[in-house]
Amino acid sequence: MTNEKQELLERELLSILMLKPEIGIDLLQIKPKYLQNKMNSHILSSLLAVYEKFGVVDYANIIAYDNSISLNILMEVISDEYVPIIDVRKQFMACQISILNNYKKIVISNLSKKFNENKINCDDYLKKMEKINEVNIRFDTNEITEDELLENISTENIGIELKAYPKLNNMLKLVQGDFLMIGAPTSTGKSGLLLNLMNELMNNYQCIYFNMEMSKSTIYKRIIAIKSAVPVNYIEKPQTDYQAELVNKAVREISESKLVIEHKATYLQEIKSVLKIMKNDGKHTILFLDHIGLIKISGYKSPYEQMTEVAKQLRQICLDYDCTIIAACQLNRASYNANELNLSMLKDSGELENSSSKVILLYRDKDCSKDSLEPTMILDIVKNRDGQLGKINYKYYKTQQIFEEVKNYE
């Protein structure tokens, strides 16, 4: 049983489609199942089938397609009085949004009832809730203006500058909304690189770091070590007054930056929730994910399926929340003995390569000893939607966790 308001919305939708098909058909995103009145749902199904077959919509073919629909029913449902005189497009879009929202409320209510009655388990409930949450009406866009064109071809206002890393800054050309993936073999320093990038950016941007494998103590010591240049082992007990002064100064600066570090979120839905709650509208937000292989999604069984969906949804998060993502990713086993690393070695899913706008592979220089505390590292930019590809040499001072660009890299 539909209420009066819902019935009017459905009649408005069908009337615009029937009487203004040149507007309604192109803008239609509603499916027949979204309509609560079963007859209205039949009419929409028939209307769409007729349009697909004949390229027009008319009463005779709709009635012929579905014998449950009579001319009297059509005349009752479809009327000029339901078609707005002005702004038909905007009203049609608003109508669709209301119909979809009402449909989603019913679906969510039914899901919650099934869950409470133990008819579906938690994983199925979360997976179905996530799917219904992803169903939305795309808004009609306005015509492009000269100002909009000029604003969006310039990266001056949206470029993310890495002042401490001039070579990387010039080649990578990181911009707001990018999804940057940093792939590395096990124990190569990918967490250290993420923390160095965050240290560089946290004064100018809101940085939210999702820590999924280090203890609080470990990650806090590393952040302070990078900021202060005091060795990690001396953060808790500085060896000199000068070191103590540097550590205290670093602690103050990190606190003032309003850095957010989340230690418990491992499910993608939890990451979204943290972002919704913590996002600062006054600053562009950069998410650091350490690392992407530990992110889970309910309902996906194999690692490949799970990672594929994670990659797709992270790309969408960049768009939906107007944020930048910098994520670490472990490389697969083929990378361990390879002479040269490549994009296909991103672990578990080729979708990581597709969804990322930029990909950096991080590895130790082959001439460098494995036991070195100051190894030379290679940052190999292997995918870059807006900038250059190429390799950059870095020194990784492991005792302080600092990555430093080698000036004479040529």
Protein backbone atom coordinates (compact mmCIF):
# COMPACT_ATOMS: atom_id res chain seq x y z
CA MET A 1 0.00 0.00 0.00
CA THR A 2 1.46 3.34 -1.03
CA ASN A 3 0.70 6.62 0.66
CA GLU A 4 -0.74 9.60 -1.19
CA LYS A 5 2.55 11.49 -1.47
CA GLN A 6 4.36 8.47 -2.89
CA GLU A 7 1.54 7.88 -5.37
CA LEU A 8 1.77 11.47 -6.61
CA LEU A 9 5.55 11.12 -7.06
CA GLU A 10 5.12 7.97 -9.12
CA ARG A 11 2.38 9.52 -11.26
CA GLU A 12 4.55 12.58 -11.84
CA LEU A 13 7.44 10.36 -12.95
CA LEU A 14 5.28 8.33 -15.35
CA SER A 15 3.49 11.40 -16.73
CA ILE A 16 6.75 13.17 -17.58
CA LEU A 17 8.08 10.00 -19.23
CA MET A 18 4.89 9.59 -21.27
CA LEU A 19 4.16 13.21 -22.16
CA LYS A 20 7.73 14.58 -22.24
CA PRO A 21 9.79 11.56 -23.35
CA GLU A 22 12.42 13.81 -24.97
CA ILE A 23 13.27 14.96 -21.42
CA GLY A 24 12.34 12.05 -19.18
CA ILE A 25 13.83 9.10 -21.06
CA ASP A 26 17.33 10.57 -21.16
CA LEU A 27 17.28 11.51 -17.47
CA LEU A 28 15.63 8.33 -16.16
CA GLN A 29 17.64 6.42 -13.54
CA ILE A 30 14.74 4.89 -11.60
CA LYS A 31 14.04 1.16 -12.03
CA PRO A 32 10.48 -0.31 -12.02
CA LYS A 33 11.16 -2.14 -8.72
CA TYR A 34 11.68 1.24 -6.98
CA LEU A 35 7.98 2.08 -7.41
CA GLN A 36 5.78 0.98 -4.51
CA ASN A 37 2.51 0.79 -6.45
CA LYS A 38 2.62 -2.51 -8.39
CA MET A 39 0.52 -1.19 -11.27
CA ASN A 40 2.80 1.85 -11.62
CA SER A 41 5.75 -0.53 -11.66
CA HIS A 42 4.04 -2.53 -14.47
CA ILE A 43 3.45 0.67 -16.44
CA LEU A 44 7.10 1.74 -16.16
CA SER A 45 8.34 -1.71 -17.22
CA SER A 46 6.01 -1.71 -20.22
CA LEU A 47 6.88 1.89 -21.14
CA LEU A 48 10.62 1.14 -21.14
CA ALA A 49 10.16 -2.07 -23.14
CA VAL A 50 8.07 -0.26 -25.75
CA TYR A 51 10.56 2.60 -26.03
CA GLU A 52 13.46 0.15 -26.45
CA LYS A 53 11.62 -1.70 -29.23
CA PHE A 54 9.98 1.18 -31.13
CA GLY A 55 11.91 4.29 -30.07
CA VAL A 56 8.67 6.00 -29.00
CA VAL A 57 6.19 5.66 -26.15
CA ASP A 58 2.46 5.42 -26.84
CA TYR A 59 -0.66 4.15 -25.10
CA ALA A 60 -1.53 1.42 -27.61
CA ASN A 61 1.84 -0.37 -27.47
CA ILE A 62 2.04 -0.13 -23.67
CA ILE A 63 -1.40 -1.75 -23.34
CA ALA A 64 -0.52 -4.39 -25.96
CA TYR A 65 2.74 -5.22 -24.16
CA ASP A 66 1.10 -5.86 -20.75
CA ASN A 67 -2.55 -6.98 -20.73
CA SER A 68 -2.88 -6.08 -17.05
CA ILE A 69 -2.72 -2.41 -18.10
CA SER A 70 -5.95 -0.90 -19.49
CA LEU A 71 -6.55 2.46 -21.15
CA ASN A 72 -8.61 3.58 -18.17
CA ILE A 73 -5.71 2.83 -15.80
CA LEU A 74 -3.28 4.73 -18.02
CA MET A 75 -5.63 7.72 -18.27
CA GLU A 76 -5.93 7.76 -14.48
CA VAL A 77 -2.19 7.55 -13.80
CA ILE A 78 -0.88 9.74 -16.61
CA SER A 79 -2.07 13.33 -16.82
CA ASP A 80 -0.88 16.82 -17.78
CA GLU A 81 -1.62 18.00 -14.25
CA TYR A 82 1.33 15.96 -12.98
CA VAL A 83 3.79 17.60 -15.42
CA PRO A 84 5.33 20.83 -14.06
CA ILE A 85 5.02 23.90 -16.28
CA ILE A 86 8.59 25.11 -15.69
CA ASP A 87 11.87 23.38 -14.77
CA VAL A 88 10.65 19.96 -15.91
CA ARG A 89 14.21 18.57 -15.78
CA LYS A 90 14.89 19.70 -12.21
CA GLN A 91 11.51 18.51 -11.01
CA PHE A 92 11.99 15.14 -12.71
CA MET A 93 15.37 14.69 -10.99
CA ALA A 94 13.90 15.69 -7.61
CA CYS A 95 11.05 13.24 -8.17
CA GLN A 96 13.48 10.38 -8.85
CA ILE A 97 15.53 11.19 -5.74
CA SER A 98 12.42 11.08 -3.52
CA ILE A 99 11.24 7.80 -5.03
CA LEU A 100 14.67 6.19 -4.57
CA ASN A 101 14.98 7.42 -0.97
CA ASN A 102 11.58 5.95 -0.11
CA TYR A 103 12.57 2.65 -1.74
CA LYS A 104 15.86 2.56 0.21
CA LYS A 105 14.01 3.16 3.49
CA ILE A 106 11.82 0.12 2.83
CA VAL A 107 14.77 -2.08 1.86
CA ILE A 108 16.78 -1.01 4.92
CA SER A 109 13.81 -1.60 7.20
CA ASN A 110 13.30 -5.11 5.78
CA LEU A 111 17.02 -5.90 6.07
CA SER A 112 17.10 -4.76 9.69
CA LYS A 113 14.04 -6.89 10.47
CA LYS A 114 15.65 -9.99 8.89
CA PHE A 115 18.87 -9.34 10.78
CA ASN A 116 17.07 -8.92 14.10
CA GLU A 117 15.16 -12.15 13.45
CA ASN A 118 18.48 -13.95 12.66
CA LYS A 119 17.36 -14.67 9.09
CA ILE A 120 20.58 -13.21 7.68
CA ASN A 121 24.04 -13.09 9.24
CA CYS A 122 26.12 -10.00 9.98
CA ASP A 123 28.30 -10.29 6.85
CA ASP A 124 25.27 -10.55 4.53
CA TYR A 125 23.57 -7.66 6.31
CA LEU A 126 26.62 -5.37 5.97
CA LYS A 127 27.19 -6.37 2.34
CA LYS A 128 23.57 -5.66 1.36
CA MET A 129 23.52 -2.41 3.31
CA GLU A 130 26.66 -1.33 1.48
CA LYS A 131 25.09 -2.13 -1.89
CA ILE A 132 21.90 -0.20 -1.23
CA ASN A 133 23.96 2.72 0.07
CA GLU A 134 25.81 2.83 -3.26
CA VAL A 135 22.58 3.26 -5.27
CA ASN A 136 22.14 6.96 -5.94
CA ILE A 137 20.70 9.35 -8.50
CA ARG A 138 23.35 11.14 -10.53
CA PHE A 139 22.57 14.83 -10.72
CA ASP A 140 22.22 16.50 -14.09
CA THR A 141 25.23 18.71 -14.72
CA ASN A 142 25.18 22.29 -15.89
CA GLU A 143 26.67 23.60 -19.10
CA ILE A 144 30.40 24.26 -18.88
CA THR A 145 31.36 27.90 -18.43
CA GLU A 146 34.58 29.66 -19.41
CA ASP A 147 35.50 30.14 -15.74
CA GLU A 148 34.98 26.47 -14.97
CA LEU A 149 37.16 25.41 -17.90
CA LEU A 150 40.01 27.72 -16.87
CA GLU A 151 39.72 26.72 -13.22
CA ASN A 152 39.89 22.99 -13.92
CA ILE A 153 42.77 22.95 -16.42
CA SER A 154 45.03 24.61 -13.85
CA THR A 155 46.57 22.61 -11.00
CA GLU A 156 47.78 25.74 -9.22
CA ASN A 157 45.01 25.59 -6.61
CA ILE A 158 44.77 21.81 -6.31
CA GLY A 159 48.42 20.75 -6.56
CA ILE A 160 49.86 19.02 -3.47
CA GLU A 161 53.41 20.30 -3.07
CA LEU A 162 56.17 18.09 -1.65
CA LYS A 163 58.76 20.75 -0.85
CA ALA A 164 61.19 18.37 0.87
CA TYR A 165 61.24 16.16 -2.22
CA PRO A 166 61.71 18.47 -5.24
CA LYS A 167 62.49 15.75 -7.78
CA LEU A 168 59.48 13.68 -6.73
CA ASN A 169 57.32 16.81 -6.64
CA ASN A 170 58.25 17.79 -10.21
CA MET A 171 57.81 14.30 -11.65
CA LEU A 172 54.80 13.03 -9.71
CA LYS A 173 52.67 16.22 -9.83
CA LEU A 174 50.41 15.02 -7.04
CA VAL A 175 47.03 16.77 -7.04
CA GLN A 176 43.99 16.73 -4.81
CA GLY A 177 41.79 13.72 -5.53
CA ASP A 178 44.67 11.44 -6.59
CA PHE A 179 44.84 7.81 -5.50
CA LEU A 180 48.58 7.15 -5.06
CA MET A 181 49.70 3.55 -4.52
CA ILE A 182 53.14 2.76 -3.09
CA GLY A 183 54.07 -0.87 -3.72
CA ALA A 184 57.06 -2.53 -2.08
CA PRO A 185 58.36 -5.97 -1.10
CA THR A 186 58.13 -6.98 2.56
CA SER A 187 60.31 -4.99 5.02
CA THR A 188 61.44 -2.44 2.45
CA GLY A 189 60.33 0.73 4.23
CA LYS A 190 56.91 1.43 2.72
CA SER A 191 55.52 2.44 6.14
CA GLY A 192 58.52 4.71 6.62
CA LEU A 193 57.92 6.38 3.27
CA LEU A 194 54.22 6.89 4.07
CA LEU A 195 55.14 8.52 7.39
CA ASN A 196 57.69 10.78 5.71
CA LEU A 197 55.11 11.95 3.18
CA MET A 198 52.63 12.56 5.97
CA ASN A 199 55.23 14.52 7.94
CA GLU A 200 55.71 16.71 4.88
CA LEU A 201 51.98 17.30 4.35
CA MET A 202 50.33 17.40 7.77
CA ASN A 203 50.85 21.12 8.40
CA ASN A 204 48.95 22.17 5.26
CA TYR A 205 46.36 19.39 4.98
CA GLN A 206 44.18 17.32 7.25
CA CYS A 207 45.99 13.99 7.44
CA ILE A 208 44.23 10.82 8.64
CA TYR A 209 46.54 7.83 9.00
CA PHE A 210 45.04 4.33 9.23
CA ASN A 211 47.57 2.16 11.07
CA MET A 212 46.81 -1.52 10.58
CA GLU A 213 49.97 -3.35 11.58
CA MET A 214 52.14 -1.32 14.00
CA SER A 215 51.62 -0.82 17.73
CA LYS A 216 50.74 2.69 18.95
CA SER A 217 54.15 3.00 20.57
CA THR A 218 56.00 2.04 17.38
CA ILE A 219 54.16 4.40 15.08
CA TYR A 220 54.30 7.33 17.50
CA LYS A 221 58.03 6.90 18.01
CA ARG A 222 58.59 6.79 14.25
CA ILE A 223 56.57 9.95 13.63
CA ILE A 224 58.49 11.81 16.34
CA ALA A 225 61.81 10.47 15.03
CA ILE A 226 61.07 11.73 11.53
CA LYS A 227 59.97 15.13 12.82
CA SER A 228 62.91 15.54 15.25
CA ALA A 229 65.69 13.60 13.43
CA VAL A 230 66.37 11.85 16.76
CA PRO A 231 66.90 8.07 16.43
CA VAL A 232 63.81 5.98 17.19
CA ASN A 233 65.59 4.14 20.02
CA TYR A 234 66.24 7.44 21.82
CA ILE A 235 62.73 8.92 21.59
CA GLU A 236 61.61 7.49 24.92
CA LYS A 237 64.93 8.27 26.67
CA PRO A 238 66.86 11.03 24.86
CA GLN A 239 70.63 10.81 25.34
CA THR A 240 71.22 14.55 25.61
CA ASP A 241 69.36 17.69 26.60
CA TYR A 242 69.44 18.76 22.96
CA GLN A 243 67.74 15.54 21.87
CA ALA A 244 65.13 16.00 24.60
CA GLU A 245 64.49 19.52 23.33
CA LEU A 246 64.08 18.25 19.76
CA VAL A 247 61.69 15.50 20.87
CA ASN A 248 59.53 17.92 22.88
CA LYS A 249 59.42 20.36 19.98
CA ALA A 250 58.39 17.55 17.60
CA VAL A 251 55.63 16.44 19.97
CA ARG A 252 54.24 19.99 20.10
CA GLU A 253 54.34 20.40 16.30
CA ILE A 254 52.66 17.04 15.68
CA SER A 255 49.93 17.90 18.20
CA GLU A 256 49.37 21.33 16.61
CA SER A 257 48.96 19.75 13.16
CA LYS A 258 45.73 18.02 14.34
CA LEU A 259 46.94 14.74 12.91
CA VAL A 260 44.46 11.84 13.19
CA ILE A 261 45.78 8.30 13.60
CA GLU A 262 43.20 5.49 13.62
CA HIS A 263 44.41 2.14 14.96
CA LYS A 264 41.24 0.02 14.98
CA ALA A 265 39.56 0.54 11.60
CA THR A 266 40.25 -2.40 9.29
CA TYR A 267 36.92 -2.76 7.46
CA LEU A 268 36.32 -0.38 4.58
CA GLN A 269 33.01 0.69 6.09
CA GLU A 270 34.86 1.66 9.28
CA ILE A 271 37.31 3.75 7.24
CA LYS A 272 34.36 5.54 5.60
CA SER A 273 32.79 6.15 9.01
CA VAL A 274 35.99 7.68 10.39
CA LEU A 275 36.22 9.91 7.32
CA LYS A 276 32.59 11.06 7.65
CA ILE A 277 33.06 11.92 11.32
CA MET A 278 36.54 13.45 11.21
CA LYS A 279 36.64 15.18 7.81
CA ASN A 280 37.59 18.83 8.13
CA ASP A 281 35.68 20.93 5.59
CA GLY A 282 38.19 23.76 6.00
CA LYS A 283 41.15 21.72 4.71
CA HIS A 284 41.67 19.16 1.98
CA THR A 285 41.88 15.68 3.53
CA ILE A 286 44.61 13.15 2.75
CA LEU A 287 44.11 9.53 3.85
CA PHE A 288 47.16 7.34 4.47
CA LEU A 289 46.43 3.59 4.41
CA ASP A 290 49.08 1.28 5.87
CA HIS A 291 48.53 -1.08 4.25
CA ILE A 292 45.80 -1.77 1.70
CA GLY A 293 46.13 -5.56 1.85
CA LEU A 294 44.80 -5.53 5.41
CA ILE A 295 41.55 -3.73 4.55
CA LYS A 296 38.51 -6.00 4.66
CA ILE A 297 35.04 -5.93 3.12
CA SER A 298 32.25 -8.11 4.48
CA GLY A 299 30.84 -10.76 2.18
CA TYR A 300 33.79 -11.21 -0.20
CA LYS A 301 35.42 -14.62 0.10
CA SER A 302 38.63 -14.75 -1.93
CA PRO A 303 41.53 -12.26 -1.48
CA TYR A 304 41.25 -11.38 -5.18
CA GLU A 305 37.54 -10.48 -4.94
CA GLN A 306 38.10 -8.55 -1.74
CA MET A 307 41.06 -6.54 -3.05
CA THR A 308 39.27 -5.81 -6.33
CA GLU A 309 36.31 -4.34 -4.46
CA VAL A 310 38.55 -2.45 -2.02
CA ALA A 311 40.43 -0.81 -4.90
CA LYS A 312 37.21 0.23 -6.67
CA GLN A 313 35.65 1.67 -3.53
CA LEU A 314 38.79 3.58 -2.52
CA ARG A 315 38.80 5.27 -5.92
CA GLN A 316 35.15 6.18 -5.36
CA ILE A 317 35.94 7.53 -1.88
CA CYS A 318 38.37 9.99 -3.49
CA LEU A 319 35.51 11.27 -5.66
CA ASP A 320 32.69 11.15 -3.12
CA TYR A 321 34.58 12.80 -0.26
CA ASP A 322 36.91 15.04 -2.28
CA CYS A 323 40.00 13.59 -0.64
CA THR A 324 43.40 12.22 -1.65
CA ILE A 325 44.50 8.68 -0.80
CA ILE A 326 48.10 7.54 -0.39
CA ALA A 327 48.22 3.80 0.27
CA ALA A 328 50.95 1.24 0.82
CA CYS A 329 50.68 -2.14 -0.85
CA GLN A 330 52.75 -5.28 -0.52
CA LEU A 331 54.09 -6.79 -3.75
CA ASN A 332 53.48 -10.44 -4.58
CA ARG A 333 55.98 -13.30 -4.32
CA ALA A 334 57.12 -12.88 -7.91
CA SER A 335 58.82 -9.65 -6.83
CA TYR A 336 61.19 -11.36 -4.39
CA ASN A 337 63.52 -12.82 -7.02
CA ALA A 338 62.75 -10.49 -9.93
CA ASN A 339 65.53 -8.46 -11.55
CA GLU A 340 63.08 -5.65 -12.18
CA LEU A 341 59.75 -4.82 -10.54
CA ASN A 342 56.61 -3.95 -12.51
CA LEU A 343 52.98 -2.97 -12.07
CA SER A 344 51.66 -6.52 -12.32
CA MET A 345 53.36 -7.35 -9.01
CA LEU A 346 50.85 -5.36 -6.93
CA LYS A 347 49.47 -8.06 -4.66
CA ASP A 348 46.10 -9.83 -5.11
CA SER A 349 44.38 -7.73 -7.79
CA GLY A 350 44.98 -6.03 -11.12
CA GLU A 351 42.28 -3.56 -10.05
CA LEU A 352 44.87 -1.84 -7.84
CA GLU A 353 46.68 -0.80 -11.01
CA ASN A 354 43.46 0.28 -12.75
CA SER A 355 41.99 2.29 -9.86
CA SER A 356 45.20 4.08 -8.87
CA SER A 357 45.94 7.36 -10.62
CA LYS A 358 49.63 7.05 -9.70
CA VAL A 359 51.82 4.09 -8.68
CA ILE A 360 55.30 4.14 -7.14
CA LEU A 361 57.38 0.98 -6.64
CA LEU A 362 59.86 1.20 -3.77
CA TYR A 363 62.87 -1.10 -3.56
CA ARG A 364 66.45 -1.25 -2.34
CA ASP A 365 69.31 -0.52 -4.76
CA LYS A 366 70.69 -3.94 -5.74
CA ASP A 367 74.28 -2.80 -4.99
CA CYS A 368 73.32 -1.88 -1.42
CA SER A 369 73.92 -4.28 1.47
CA LYS A 370 70.81 -5.74 3.09
CA ASP A 371 72.25 -4.93 6.51
CA SER A 372 72.94 -1.28 5.73
CA LEU A 373 71.33 1.22 8.12
CA GLU A 374 71.48 3.86 5.39
CA PRO A 375 70.48 1.99 2.24
CA THR A 376 69.99 3.66 -1.12
CA MET A 377 66.36 3.23 -2.14
CA ILE A 378 64.78 3.54 -5.57
CA LEU A 379 61.42 5.22 -6.02
CA ASP A 380 60.22 4.07 -9.42
CA ILE A 381 57.18 5.98 -10.74
CA VAL A 382 55.59 3.35 -13.00
CA LYS A 383 52.13 4.90 -13.48
CA ASN A 384 51.38 8.59 -13.53
CA ARG A 385 48.19 9.95 -15.01
CA ASP A 386 49.38 13.57 -15.03
CA GLY A 387 53.18 13.53 -14.71
CA GLN A 388 56.37 11.75 -15.66
CA LEU A 389 57.59 8.19 -15.23
CA GLY A 390 61.08 7.48 -13.95
CA LYS A 391 63.33 6.56 -11.04
CA ILE A 392 64.54 8.70 -8.14
CA ASN A 393 67.28 7.76 -5.66
CA TYR A 394 66.74 8.17 -1.92
CA LYS A 395 68.75 7.60 1.23
CA TYR A 396 66.78 5.83 3.92
CA TYR A 397 68.19 6.61 7.36
CA LYS A 398 66.60 3.70 9.19
CA THR A 399 67.59 4.72 12.74
CA GLN A 400 65.56 7.93 12.32
CA GLN A 401 63.14 6.55 9.69
CA ILE A 402 63.96 9.48 7.39
CA PHE A 403 63.81 9.33 3.59
CA GLU A 404 66.01 11.94 1.95
CA GLU A 405 66.28 12.67 -1.77
CA VAL A 406 69.78 12.13 -3.18
CA LYS A 407 70.73 15.42 -4.79
CA ASN A 408 73.22 14.02 -7.30
CA TYR A 409 70.82 11.43 -8.56
CA GLU A 410 71.88 11.80 -12.19
